[in-house]
Amino acid sequence: MGSFSIWHWLIVLVIVMVVFGTKKLGNVGSDLGKAVKGFKDGVKGEEEKPVAKDQAVIDVQAKDKSGN
């Protein structure tokens, strides 16, 4: 009586699907995945991202044109 059987979990799953619907549950799963990915990217930090080589060249050329 202390633990739930597979039938208990299946009944709970069916009730949740009826209440929320499968579309809403899919959206919640997708949003949760995006939140976890965003959290991981935030933990890595901005300083670990390499600066693109082309971006630095564009910045230098813009400064040269403004000085002429």
PDB file of N, CA and C in Angstrom:
ATOM      1  N   MET A   1       0.815  -1.193   0.000  1.00  0.00           N
ATOM      2  CA  MET A   1       0.000   0.000   0.000  1.00  0.00           C
ATOM      3  C   MET A   1       0.859   1.258   0.000  1.00  0.00           C
ATOM      4  N   GLY A   2       2.124   1.137   0.396  1.00  0.00           N
ATOM      5  CA  GLY A   2       2.993   2.301   0.482  1.00  0.00           C
ATOM      6  C   GLY A   2       3.495   2.784  -0.866  1.00  0.00           C
ATOM      7  N   SER A   3       3.610   1.910  -1.864  1.00  0.00           N
ATOM      8  CA  SER A   3       4.119   2.330  -3.174  1.00  0.00           C
ATOM      9  C   SER A   3       3.004   2.246  -4.210  1.00  0.00           C
ATOM     10  N   PHE A   4       3.191   3.018  -5.276  1.00  0.00           N
ATOM     11  CA  PHE A   4       2.198   3.028  -6.340  1.00  0.00           C
ATOM     12  C   PHE A   4       2.573   2.011  -7.401  1.00  0.00           C
ATOM     13  N   SER A   5       1.580   1.357  -7.969  1.00  0.00           N
ATOM     14  CA  SER A   5       1.821   0.419  -9.060  1.00  0.00           C
ATOM     15  C   SER A   5       1.761   1.169 -10.385  1.00  0.00           C
ATOM     16  N   ILE A   6       2.052   0.464 -11.438  1.00  0.00           N
ATOM     17  CA  ILE A   6       2.017   1.070 -12.766  1.00  0.00           C
ATOM     18  C   ILE A   6       0.612   1.541 -13.118  1.00  0.00           C
ATOM     19  N   TRP A   7      -0.404   0.857 -12.620  1.00  0.00           N
ATOM     20  CA  TRP A   7      -1.784   1.240 -12.910  1.00  0.00           C
ATOM     21  C   TRP A   7      -2.128   2.582 -12.278  1.00  0.00           C
ATOM     22  N   HIS A   8      -1.603   2.845 -11.099  1.00  0.00           N
ATOM     23  CA  HIS A   8      -1.842   4.145 -10.467  1.00  0.00           C
ATOM     24  C   HIS A   8      -1.254   5.270 -11.318  1.00  0.00           C
ATOM     25  N   TRP A   9      -0.025   5.066 -11.800  1.00  0.00           N
ATOM     26  CA  TRP A   9       0.630   6.095 -12.613  1.00  0.00           C
ATOM     27  C   TRP A   9      -0.077   6.295 -13.946  1.00  0.00           C
ATOM     28  N   LEU A  10      -0.583   5.207 -14.542  1.00  0.00           N
ATOM     29  CA  LEU A  10      -1.308   5.339 -15.808  1.00  0.00           C
ATOM     30  C   LEU A  10      -2.608   6.117 -15.621  1.00  0.00           C
ATOM     31  N   ILE A  11      -3.296   5.880 -14.541  1.00  0.00           N
ATOM     32  CA  ILE A  11      -4.536   6.614 -14.271  1.00  0.00           C
ATOM     33  C   ILE A  11      -4.235   8.098 -14.053  1.00  0.00           C
ATOM     34  N   VAL A  12      -3.174   8.412 -13.309  1.00  0.00           N
ATOM     35  CA  VAL A  12      -2.783   9.804 -13.101  1.00  0.00           C
ATOM     36  C   VAL A  12      -2.421  10.454 -14.431  1.00  0.00           C
ATOM     37  N   LEU A  13      -1.694   9.754 -15.282  1.00  0.00           N
ATOM     38  CA  LEU A  13      -1.320  10.284 -16.590  1.00  0.00           C
ATOM     39  C   LEU A  13      -2.549  10.571 -17.448  1.00  0.00           C
ATOM     40  N   VAL A  14      -3.522   9.668 -17.448  1.00  0.00           N
ATOM     41  CA  VAL A  14      -4.745   9.882 -18.231  1.00  0.00           C
ATOM     42  C   VAL A  14      -5.508  11.091 -17.709  1.00  0.00           C
ATOM     43  N   ILE A  15      -5.598  11.240 -16.406  1.00  0.00           N
ATOM     44  CA  ILE A  15      -6.310  12.389 -15.834  1.00  0.00           C
ATOM     45  C   ILE A  15      -5.612  13.696 -16.205  1.00  0.00           C
ATOM     46  N   VAL A  16      -4.283  13.718 -16.132  1.00  0.00           N
ATOM     47  CA  VAL A  16      -3.532  14.921 -16.495  1.00  0.00           C
ATOM     48  C   VAL A  16      -3.734  15.252 -17.968  1.00  0.00           C
ATOM     49  N   MET A  17      -3.733  14.235 -18.831  1.00  0.00           N
ATOM     50  CA  MET A  17      -3.937  14.476 -20.263  1.00  0.00           C
ATOM     51  C   MET A  17      -5.341  14.999 -20.546  1.00  0.00           C
ATOM     52  N   VAL A  18      -6.323  14.523 -19.813  1.00  0.00           N
ATOM     53  CA  VAL A  18      -7.694  14.998 -20.013  1.00  0.00           C
ATOM     54  C   VAL A  18      -7.825  16.447 -19.540  1.00  0.00           C
ATOM     55  N   VAL A  19      -7.213  16.764 -18.426  1.00  0.00           N
ATOM     56  CA  VAL A  19      -7.339  18.111 -17.871  1.00  0.00           C
ATOM     57  C   VAL A  19      -6.590  19.128 -18.721  1.00  0.00           C
ATOM     58  N   PHE A  20      -5.343  18.835 -19.061  1.00  0.00           N
ATOM     59  CA  PHE A  20      -4.514  19.818 -19.762  1.00  0.00           C
ATOM     60  C   PHE A  20      -4.512  19.653 -21.274  1.00  0.00           C
ATOM     61  N   GLY A  21      -4.727  18.483 -21.771  1.00  0.00           N
ATOM     62  CA  GLY A  21      -4.668  18.229 -23.205  1.00  0.00           C
ATOM     63  C   GLY A  21      -3.247  17.964 -23.658  1.00  0.00           C
ATOM     64  N   THR A  22      -3.087  17.213 -24.723  1.00  0.00           N
ATOM     65  CA  THR A  22      -1.755  16.836 -25.191  1.00  0.00           C
ATOM     66  C   THR A  22      -1.006  18.013 -25.788  1.00  0.00           C
ATOM     67  N   LYS A  23      -1.719  18.938 -26.419  1.00  0.00           N
ATOM     68  CA  LYS A  23      -1.060  20.095 -27.031  1.00  0.00           C
ATOM     69  C   LYS A  23      -0.418  20.977 -25.964  1.00  0.00           C
ATOM     70  N   LYS A  24      -1.143  21.217 -24.892  1.00  0.00           N
ATOM     71  CA  LYS A  24      -0.630  22.050 -23.807  1.00  0.00           C
ATOM     72  C   LYS A  24       0.573  21.374 -23.147  1.00  0.00           C
ATOM     73  N   LEU A  25       0.516  20.062 -22.955  1.00  0.00           N
ATOM     74  CA  LEU A  25       1.643  19.342 -22.351  1.00  0.00           C
ATOM     75  C   LEU A  25       2.873  19.398 -23.249  1.00  0.00           C
ATOM     76  N   GLY A  26       2.685  19.331 -24.568  1.00  0.00           N
ATOM     77  CA  GLY A  26       3.805  19.452 -25.498  1.00  0.00           C
ATOM     78  C   GLY A  26       4.459  20.820 -25.421  1.00  0.00           C
ATOM     79  N   ASN A  27       3.652  21.848 -25.293  1.00  0.00           N
ATOM     80  CA  ASN A  27       4.190  23.207 -25.169  1.00  0.00           C
ATOM     81  C   ASN A  27       4.967  23.372 -23.873  1.00  0.00           C
ATOM     82  N   VAL A  28       4.470  22.776 -22.794  1.00  0.00           N
ATOM     83  CA  VAL A  28       5.161  22.870 -21.511  1.00  0.00           C
ATOM     84  C   VAL A  28       6.517  22.181 -21.602  1.00  0.00           C
ATOM     85  N   GLY A  29       6.558  21.023 -22.245  1.00  0.00           N
ATOM     86  CA  GLY A  29       7.829  20.308 -22.414  1.00  0.00           C
ATOM     87  C   GLY A  29       8.819  21.102 -23.244  1.00  0.00           C
ATOM     88  N   SER A  30       8.343  21.720 -24.306  1.00  0.00           N
ATOM     89  CA  SER A  30       9.201  22.530 -25.164  1.00  0.00           C
ATOM     90  C   SER A  30       9.738  23.747 -24.414  1.00  0.00           C
ATOM     91  N   ASP A  31       8.866  24.409 -23.673  1.00  0.00           N
ATOM     92  CA  ASP A  31       9.284  25.578 -22.896  1.00  0.00           C
ATOM     93  C   ASP A  31      10.293  25.199 -21.822  1.00  0.00           C
ATOM     94  N   LEU A  32      10.091  24.044 -21.210  1.00  0.00           N
ATOM     95  CA  LEU A  32      11.022  23.584 -20.180  1.00  0.00           C
ATOM     96  C   LEU A  32      12.397  23.302 -20.790  1.00  0.00           C
ATOM     97  N   GLY A  33      12.427  22.702 -21.966  1.00  0.00           N
ATOM     98  CA  GLY A  33      13.697  22.440 -22.651  1.00  0.00           C
ATOM     99  C   GLY A  33      14.429  23.725 -22.998  1.00  0.00           C
ATOM    100  N   LYS A  34      13.700  24.722 -23.477  1.00  0.00           N
ATOM    101  CA  LYS A  34      14.313  26.008 -23.805  1.00  0.00           C
ATOM    102  C   LYS A  34      14.858  26.697 -22.557  1.00  0.00           C
ATOM    103  N   ALA A  35      14.136  26.566 -21.455  1.00  0.00           N
ATOM    104  CA  ALA A  35      14.584  27.186 -20.208  1.00  0.00           C
ATOM    105  C   ALA A  35      15.873  26.538 -19.706  1.00  0.00           C
ATOM    106  N   VAL A  36      15.960  25.216 -19.813  1.00  0.00           N
ATOM    107  CA  VAL A  36      17.165  24.510 -19.376  1.00  0.00           C
ATOM    108  C   VAL A  36      18.344  24.897 -20.258  1.00  0.00           C
ATOM    109  N   LYS A  37      18.125  24.988 -21.563  1.00  0.00           N
ATOM    110  CA  LYS A  37      19.193  25.382 -22.483  1.00  0.00           C
ATOM    111  C   LYS A  37      19.661  26.811 -22.204  1.00  0.00           C
ATOM    112  N   GLY A  38      18.729  27.702 -21.958  1.00  0.00           N
ATOM    113  CA  GLY A  38      19.086  29.077 -21.624  1.00  0.00           C
ATOM    114  C   GLY A  38      19.865  29.166 -20.322  1.00  0.00           C
ATOM    115  N   PHE A  39      19.491  28.341 -19.353  1.00  0.00           N
ATOM    116  CA  PHE A  39      20.212  28.329 -18.081  1.00  0.00           C
ATOM    117  C   PHE A  39      21.640  27.838 -18.279  1.00  0.00           C
ATOM    118  N   LYS A  40      21.823  26.791 -19.079  1.00  0.00           N
ATOM    119  CA  LYS A  40      23.169  26.273 -19.346  1.00  0.00           C
ATOM    120  C   LYS A  40      24.021  27.325 -20.051  1.00  0.00           C
ATOM    121  N   ASP A  41      23.446  28.027 -21.018  1.00  0.00           N
ATOM    122  CA  ASP A  41      24.189  29.072 -21.728  1.00  0.00           C
ATOM    123  C   ASP A  41      24.551  30.215 -20.779  1.00  0.00           C
ATOM    124  N   GLY A  42      23.663  30.538 -19.863  1.00  0.00           N
ATOM    125  CA  GLY A  42      23.934  31.599 -18.899  1.00  0.00           C
ATOM    126  C   GLY A  42      25.030  31.230 -17.925  1.00  0.00           C
ATOM    127  N   VAL A  43      25.107  29.950 -17.568  1.00  0.00           N
ATOM    128  CA  VAL A  43      26.140  29.498 -16.642  1.00  0.00           C
ATOM    129  C   VAL A  43      27.515  29.533 -17.307  1.00  0.00           C
ATOM    130  N   LYS A  44      27.565  29.252 -18.592  1.00  0.00           N
ATOM    131  CA  LYS A  44      28.849  29.273 -19.307  1.00  0.00           C
ATOM    132  C   LYS A  44      29.462  30.669 -19.283  1.00  0.00           C
ATOM    133  N   GLY A  45      28.648  31.671 -19.409  1.00  0.00           N
ATOM    134  CA  GLY A  45      29.138  33.052 -19.363  1.00  0.00           C
ATOM    135  C   GLY A  45      29.462  33.594 -20.739  1.00  0.00           C
ATOM    136  N   GLU A  46      29.511  34.881 -20.826  1.00  0.00           N
ATOM    137  CA  GLU A  46      29.784  35.566 -22.085  1.00  0.00           C
ATOM    138  C   GLU A  46      31.270  35.548 -22.436  1.00  0.00           C
ATOM    139  N   GLU A  47      32.161  35.513 -21.454  1.00  0.00           N
ATOM    140  CA  GLU A  47      33.590  35.597 -21.745  1.00  0.00           C
ATOM    141  C   GLU A  47      34.133  34.358 -22.443  1.00  0.00           C
ATOM    142  N   GLU A  48      33.418  33.258 -22.394  1.00  0.00           N
ATOM    143  CA  GLU A  48      33.895  32.042 -23.053  1.00  0.00           C
ATOM    144  C   GLU A  48      33.576  32.020 -24.538  1.00  0.00           C
ATOM    145  N   LYS A  49      32.689  32.898 -24.992  1.00  0.00           N
ATOM    146  CA  LYS A  49      32.332  32.915 -26.405  1.00  0.00           C
ATOM    147  C   LYS A  49      33.437  33.615 -27.194  1.00  0.00           C
ATOM    148  N   PRO A  50      33.978  32.981 -28.236  1.00  0.00           N
ATOM    149  CA  PRO A  50      35.037  33.618 -29.026  1.00  0.00           C
ATOM    150  C   PRO A  50      34.467  34.732 -29.904  1.00  0.00           C
ATOM    151  N   VAL A  51      35.258  35.749 -30.119  1.00  0.00           N
ATOM    152  CA  VAL A  51      34.859  36.853 -30.987  1.00  0.00           C
ATOM    153  C   VAL A  51      35.090  36.428 -32.427  1.00  0.00           C
ATOM    154  N   ALA A  52      34.121  36.661 -33.257  1.00  0.00           N
ATOM    155  CA  ALA A  52      34.236  36.286 -34.664  1.00  0.00           C
ATOM    156  C   ALA A  52      35.299  37.133 -35.346  1.00  0.00           C
ATOM    157  N   LYS A  53      36.106  36.509 -36.186  1.00  0.00           N
ATOM    158  CA  LYS A  53      37.188  37.208 -36.871  1.00  0.00           C
ATOM    159  C   LYS A  53      36.638  38.275 -37.817  1.00  0.00           C
ATOM    160  N   ASP A  54      35.548  37.964 -38.526  1.00  0.00           N
ATOM    161  CA  ASP A  54      34.951  38.917 -39.459  1.00  0.00           C
ATOM    162  C   ASP A  54      34.396  40.135 -38.730  1.00  0.00           C
ATOM    163  N   GLN A  55      33.868  39.934 -37.544  1.00  0.00           N
ATOM    164  CA  GLN A  55      33.295  41.044 -36.791  1.00  0.00           C
ATOM    165  C   GLN A  55      34.372  42.063 -36.422  1.00  0.00           C
ATOM    166  N   ALA A  56      35.556  41.602 -36.025  1.00  0.00           N
ATOM    167  CA  ALA A  56      36.638  42.506 -35.659  1.00  0.00           C
ATOM    168  C   ALA A  56      37.101  43.305 -36.878  1.00  0.00           C
ATOM    169  N   VAL A  57      37.150  42.681 -38.041  1.00  0.00           N
ATOM    170  CA  VAL A  57      37.575  43.361 -39.259  1.00  0.00           C
ATOM    171  C   VAL A  57      36.567  44.440 -39.633  1.00  0.00           C
ATOM    172  N   ILE A  58      35.300  44.156 -39.516  1.00  0.00           N
ATOM    173  CA  ILE A  58      34.267  45.135 -39.845  1.00  0.00           C
ATOM    174  C   ILE A  58      34.368  46.334 -38.916  1.00  0.00           C
ATOM    175  N   ASP A  59      34.615  46.116 -37.629  1.00  0.00           N
ATOM    176  CA  ASP A  59      34.739  47.215 -36.681  1.00  0.00           C
ATOM    177  C   ASP A  59      35.931  48.109 -37.029  1.00  0.00           C
ATOM    178  N   VAL A  60      37.052  47.527 -37.416  1.00  0.00           N
ATOM    179  CA  VAL A  60      38.243  48.311 -37.751  1.00  0.00           C
ATOM    180  C   VAL A  60      37.999  49.118 -39.012  1.00  0.00           C
ATOM    181  N   GLN A  61      37.367  48.537 -40.012  1.00  0.00           N
ATOM    182  CA  GLN A  61      37.102  49.260 -41.235  1.00  0.00           C
ATOM    183  C   GLN A  61      36.145  50.433 -40.976  1.00  0.00           C
ATOM    184  N   ALA A  62      35.200  50.264 -40.120  1.00  0.00           N
ATOM    185  CA  ALA A  62      34.277  51.338 -39.811  1.00  0.00           C
ATOM    186  C   ALA A  62      35.002  52.492 -39.138  1.00  0.00           C
ATOM    187  N   LYS A  63      35.955  52.196 -38.289  1.00  0.00           N
ATOM    188  CA  LYS A  63      36.706  53.239 -37.614  1.00  0.00           C
ATOM    189  C   LYS A  63      37.600  53.972 -38.609  1.00  0.00           C
ATOM    190  N   ASP A  64      38.189  53.253 -39.580  1.00  0.00           N
ATOM    191  CA  ASP A  64      39.035  53.896 -40.580  1.00  0.00           C
ATOM    192  C   ASP A  64      38.226  54.844 -41.463  1.00  0.00           C
ATOM    193  N   LYS A  65      37.045  54.465 -41.841  1.00  0.00           N
ATOM    194  CA  LYS A  65      36.221  55.312 -42.694  1.00  0.00           C
ATOM    195  C   LYS A  65      35.766  56.567 -41.960  1.00  0.00           C
ATOM    196  N   SER A  66      35.512  56.455 -40.685  1.00  0.00           N
ATOM    197  CA  SER A  66      35.045  57.628 -39.955  1.00  0.00           C
ATOM    198  C   SER A  66      36.179  58.620 -39.719  1.00  0.00           C
ATOM    199  N   GLY A  67      37.448  58.142 -39.742  1.00  0.00           N
ATOM    200  CA  GLY A  67      38.568  59.032 -39.512  1.00  0.00           C
ATOM    201  C   GLY A  67      38.973  59.823 -40.740  1.00  0.00           C
ATOM    202  N   ASN A  68      38.565  59.448 -41.931  1.00  0.00           N
ATOM    203  CA  ASN A  68      38.953  60.131 -43.173  1.00  0.00           C
ATOM    204  C   ASN A  68      38.183  61.377 -43.402  1.00  0.00           C
TER     205      ASN A  68
END
